[in-house]
Amino acid sequence: MDAFIYLISANYVSQSRFRHLANALIEAAHTEARAVRLEASGDGLWHALDDLTEQGAKRIELRPIGLPFSQSLENWLPNAAASWLHRRTENAPELFFAKPLQMDSDVIRTAANADVLLKPIRPKPSGELGKGWDSPPAFRHHLLVCAGPRCHLKDAPNLVDALKKELGHAGKSSECLVTTTGCLFPCNAGPVIVHYPHGDWYRVESLDDIRTFVSQALGAGTTPRSLLIHQTGDTHEPA
């Protein structure tokens, strides 16, 4: 069986809009297909590869979606797939990485001249300002949660959703401002949560790690040393 995996980079897109595109791509594909959101949430690339392989896929094409598609991701994703392939000891499929869509002149011509619906724009005073954007909400803990593609690749529990759920269980939601970010560094030590005002950086790889972080760092006010990878102000990189 041949299969496609569509790789979609979409930081500021709602889950419903992503799902609409994903479903349209899968429906239009002439073979078995999956769509993966590289940032934020949902099953990652390794999960999709596992799923298709278990269903009998022998040849899988990884197809980037986006105009333009990040050069950094274009360089990194084949290596991430190669790492999965190295660990796959049985029934490993052939993997191929497609050139991004901006390399296809027909796609560019279609995008440049597409006959799409137009919405008129009228004058609106202070239209760039949004309701509730004047000052930060009240909070005690500022949690920076990396939702970049390198952390999300390893992010089995969907880090942001799992963290918010655990904060709710612990009664800490109202005390925390959770901010999703792009790459925070160090990618190899991800998934990463940074806790301010303490300036502690944690590696959280599982639901148990999230529970430990919430119960100790936020509940008890202690530092879970088993998760700590860095502290803001350190002048060296921890081993």
Protein backbone atom coordinates (compact mmCIF):
# COMPACT_ATOMS: atom_id res chain seq x y z
CA MET A 1 0.00 0.00 0.00
CA ASP A 2 1.19 3.50 -0.88
CA ALA A 3 0.32 6.43 1.39
CA PHE A 4 0.72 10.19 1.77
CA ILE A 5 1.33 12.22 4.92
CA TYR A 6 0.55 15.92 4.46
CA LEU A 7 2.76 18.07 6.68
CA ILE A 8 0.99 21.31 7.59
CA SER A 9 2.77 24.19 9.34
CA ALA A 10 0.08 26.46 10.78
CA ASN A 11 0.88 28.41 13.95
CA TYR A 12 -2.05 30.85 14.01
CA VAL A 13 -4.83 28.65 12.68
CA SER A 14 -7.78 27.31 14.68
CA GLN A 15 -8.20 23.58 15.05
CA SER A 16 -11.44 23.69 13.06
CA ARG A 17 -9.80 25.46 10.12
CA PHE A 18 -6.88 23.04 10.18
CA ARG A 19 -9.28 20.09 10.27
CA HIS A 20 -11.22 21.49 7.29
CA LEU A 21 -8.02 21.62 5.21
CA ALA A 22 -6.85 18.23 6.48
CA ASN A 23 -10.14 16.57 5.56
CA ALA A 24 -10.12 18.18 2.10
CA LEU A 25 -6.58 16.96 1.42
CA ILE A 26 -7.34 13.43 2.59
CA GLU A 27 -10.52 13.32 0.50
CA ALA A 28 -8.69 14.54 -2.61
CA ALA A 29 -5.76 12.11 -2.26
CA HIS A 30 -5.77 9.17 -4.67
CA THR A 31 -4.32 6.90 -1.99
CA GLU A 32 -4.46 6.36 1.79
CA ALA A 33 -3.50 9.63 3.49
CA ARG A 34 -3.05 11.41 6.81
CA ALA A 35 -2.61 15.10 7.64
CA VAL A 36 -0.30 16.20 10.44
CA ARG A 37 -0.18 19.60 12.10
CA LEU A 38 3.48 20.23 12.80
CA GLU A 39 2.90 22.69 15.64
CA ALA A 40 0.64 22.89 18.67
CA SER A 41 -1.65 19.87 18.84
CA GLY A 42 -2.81 16.62 17.34
CA ASP A 43 -0.92 13.44 16.52
CA GLY A 44 2.59 14.11 15.27
CA LEU A 45 4.59 12.75 12.35
CA TRP A 46 5.91 9.70 14.20
CA HIS A 47 2.36 8.72 15.21
CA ALA A 48 1.17 9.00 11.61
CA LEU A 49 4.10 6.89 10.39
CA ASP A 50 3.35 4.23 13.02
CA ASP A 51 -0.33 4.20 12.08
CA LEU A 52 0.19 3.84 8.33
CA THR A 53 2.90 1.21 8.77
CA GLU A 54 0.67 -0.86 11.04
CA GLN A 55 -2.00 -0.65 8.33
CA GLY A 56 0.42 -2.12 5.80
CA ALA A 57 1.92 0.89 4.03
CA LYS A 58 5.08 -0.04 2.11
CA ARG A 59 5.80 3.34 0.53
CA ILE A 60 5.02 6.66 2.24
CA GLU A 61 5.44 10.13 0.74
CA LEU A 62 5.82 13.09 3.11
CA ARG A 63 4.23 16.09 1.39
CA PRO A 64 4.77 19.62 2.83
CA ILE A 65 1.76 21.95 2.64
CA GLY A 66 2.25 25.71 2.84
CA LEU A 67 3.22 28.70 0.72
CA PRO A 68 6.03 29.19 1.37
CA PHE A 69 7.11 26.21 3.45
CA SER A 70 9.82 26.83 6.05
CA GLN A 71 13.35 26.03 4.87
CA SER A 72 14.23 25.02 8.42
CA LEU A 73 11.40 22.49 8.49
CA GLU A 74 12.27 21.30 4.99
CA ASN A 75 15.79 20.52 6.19
CA TRP A 76 14.79 19.01 9.53
CA LEU A 77 11.74 16.88 8.74
CA PRO A 78 13.55 14.28 6.58
CA ASN A 79 16.00 13.78 9.46
CA ALA A 80 13.13 13.39 11.94
CA ALA A 81 11.58 10.77 9.64
CA ALA A 82 14.98 9.08 9.26
CA SER A 83 15.24 8.81 13.05
CA TRP A 84 11.87 7.04 13.12
CA LEU A 85 13.02 4.75 10.30
CA HIS A 86 16.21 3.87 12.21
CA ARG A 87 14.16 2.68 15.19
CA ARG A 88 11.70 0.72 13.05
CA THR A 89 13.15 -2.79 13.05
CA GLU A 90 10.30 -4.63 11.30
CA ASN A 91 8.12 -3.91 8.26
CA ALA A 92 9.82 -0.57 7.63
CA PRO A 93 8.30 1.24 4.62
CA GLU A 94 10.18 3.25 2.01
CA LEU A 95 10.02 6.94 2.88
CA PHE A 96 10.22 9.88 0.47
CA PHE A 97 10.13 13.64 1.07
CA ALA A 98 8.41 15.76 -1.58
CA LYS A 99 9.65 19.17 -2.64
CA PRO A 100 7.52 22.02 -1.20
CA LEU A 101 4.67 23.39 -3.29
CA GLN A 102 6.41 26.67 -4.08
CA MET A 103 8.69 24.67 -6.38
CA ASP A 104 5.70 23.85 -8.62
CA SER A 105 5.04 26.71 -11.08
CA ASP A 106 1.50 25.46 -11.79
CA VAL A 107 0.63 25.73 -8.09
CA ILE A 108 2.02 29.27 -7.96
CA ARG A 109 0.06 30.35 -11.04
CA THR A 110 -3.13 28.88 -9.56
CA ALA A 111 -2.58 30.69 -6.24
CA ALA A 112 -1.76 33.98 -7.97
CA ASN A 113 -4.92 33.99 -10.07
CA ALA A 114 -7.42 31.98 -8.02
CA ASP A 115 -11.03 33.11 -8.42
CA VAL A 116 -11.95 33.43 -4.74
CA LEU A 117 -14.72 35.24 -2.88
CA LEU A 118 -13.96 38.85 -2.00
CA LYS A 119 -15.02 40.64 1.19
CA PRO A 120 -15.24 44.45 1.03
CA ILE A 121 -13.34 46.45 3.67
CA ARG A 122 -14.91 49.61 5.13
CA PRO A 123 -13.30 52.33 7.28
CA LYS A 124 -13.19 51.41 10.98
CA PRO A 125 -11.53 53.58 13.64
CA SER A 126 -8.86 51.75 15.68
CA GLY A 127 -9.63 48.57 13.79
CA GLU A 128 -6.29 47.06 14.76
CA LEU A 129 -7.21 47.09 18.47
CA GLY A 130 -8.94 44.14 20.11
CA LYS A 131 -11.25 43.82 23.10
CA GLY A 132 -9.36 42.87 26.27
CA TRP A 133 -5.92 43.55 24.79
CA ASP A 134 -5.04 46.49 27.04
CA SER A 135 -3.29 44.68 29.90
CA PRO A 136 -2.37 41.14 30.99
CA PRO A 137 -4.86 39.16 33.08
CA ALA A 138 -4.20 38.54 36.77
CA PHE A 139 -1.87 35.59 37.35
CA ARG A 140 0.84 34.26 39.68
CA HIS A 141 2.61 31.88 37.34
CA HIS A 142 3.56 32.55 33.72
CA LEU A 143 4.05 29.26 31.88
CA LEU A 144 5.71 29.31 28.47
CA VAL A 145 4.88 26.09 26.65
CA CYS A 146 6.83 25.24 23.52
CA ALA A 147 4.44 24.26 20.72
CA GLY A 148 7.14 24.27 18.05
CA PRO A 149 7.50 21.35 15.64
CA ARG A 150 10.52 19.76 17.33
CA CYS A 151 8.81 19.58 20.72
CA HIS A 152 5.48 18.58 19.21
CA LEU A 153 7.14 15.68 17.38
CA LYS A 154 7.81 14.09 20.80
CA ASP A 155 4.61 15.43 22.36
CA ALA A 156 2.55 12.26 22.90
CA PRO A 157 0.08 13.84 25.39
CA ASN A 158 -0.43 17.10 23.40
CA LEU A 159 1.36 19.21 25.94
CA VAL A 160 -0.76 22.37 26.07
CA ASP A 161 -4.10 20.57 26.35
CA ALA A 162 -2.76 18.11 28.91
CA LEU A 163 -1.23 20.91 31.00
CA LYS A 164 -4.45 22.95 31.03
CA LYS A 165 -6.44 19.88 32.03
CA GLU A 166 -4.06 19.14 34.91
CA LEU A 167 -4.14 22.78 36.04
CA GLY A 168 -7.92 22.50 36.21
CA HIS A 169 -7.76 19.31 38.27
CA ALA A 170 -5.35 20.98 40.68
CA GLY A 171 -7.43 24.17 40.96
CA LYS A 172 -4.58 26.24 39.54
CA SER A 173 -6.06 27.47 36.26
CA SER A 174 -6.92 30.95 37.55
CA GLU A 175 -3.37 31.42 38.88
CA CYS A 176 -1.62 30.62 35.60
CA LEU A 177 -1.14 32.46 32.33
CA VAL A 178 -0.32 29.74 29.81
CA THR A 179 1.40 31.05 26.69
CA THR A 180 2.22 28.82 23.74
CA THR A 181 5.41 29.72 21.93
CA GLY A 182 7.50 28.76 18.97
CA CYS A 183 10.95 27.30 19.49
CA LEU A 184 12.30 28.02 22.98
CA PHE A 185 15.54 26.00 22.88
CA PRO A 186 16.95 23.49 23.60
CA CYS A 187 14.98 21.45 21.05
CA ASN A 188 16.81 18.20 21.86
CA ALA A 189 15.60 18.44 25.47
CA GLY A 190 11.94 18.98 24.60
CA PRO A 191 9.05 19.09 25.23
CA VAL A 192 9.74 22.21 27.32
CA ILE A 193 7.81 24.31 29.85
CA VAL A 194 9.39 27.48 31.28
CA HIS A 195 8.02 28.70 34.64
CA TYR A 196 8.23 32.40 35.51
CA PRO A 197 8.83 34.35 37.70
CA HIS A 198 11.12 31.54 38.92
CA GLY A 199 12.87 31.16 35.56
CA ASP A 200 12.95 27.35 35.75
CA TRP A 201 13.00 25.29 32.54
CA TYR A 202 11.51 21.79 32.63
CA ARG A 203 11.48 18.83 30.29
CA VAL A 204 8.06 17.15 30.41
CA GLU A 205 7.85 13.97 28.36
CA SER A 206 4.70 12.35 29.74
CA LEU A 207 1.46 12.91 31.60
CA ASP A 208 3.21 11.82 34.79
CA ASP A 209 5.80 14.56 34.24
CA ILE A 210 3.03 17.14 33.81
CA ARG A 211 1.38 16.02 37.05
CA THR A 212 4.73 16.20 38.85
CA PHE A 213 5.36 19.71 37.53
CA VAL A 214 1.91 20.98 38.55
CA SER A 215 1.86 19.35 41.99
CA GLN A 216 5.41 20.34 42.96
CA ALA A 217 6.30 23.56 41.10
CA LEU A 218 2.84 25.14 41.29
CA GLY A 219 1.18 23.35 44.21
CA ALA A 220 3.94 22.82 46.77
CA GLY A 221 6.20 25.64 45.55
CA THR A 222 9.19 23.30 45.24
CA THR A 223 11.45 22.52 42.29
CA PRO A 224 11.00 19.07 40.69
CA ARG A 225 14.71 18.43 40.13
CA SER A 226 14.11 15.34 38.02
CA LEU A 227 12.52 17.53 35.33
CA LEU A 228 14.72 20.65 35.62
CA ILE A 229 17.02 21.27 32.63
CA HIS A 230 17.96 24.94 33.00
CA GLN A 231 17.48 28.05 35.13
CA THR A 232 17.34 31.54 33.69
CA GLY A 233 20.53 33.34 34.64
CA ASP A 234 22.77 30.27 34.40
CA THR A 235 25.97 31.16 32.59
CA HIS A 236 26.55 27.63 31.34
CA GLU A 237 24.58 24.98 29.51
CA PRO A 238 23.76 22.05 31.81
CA ALA A 239 25.15 18.68 30.78
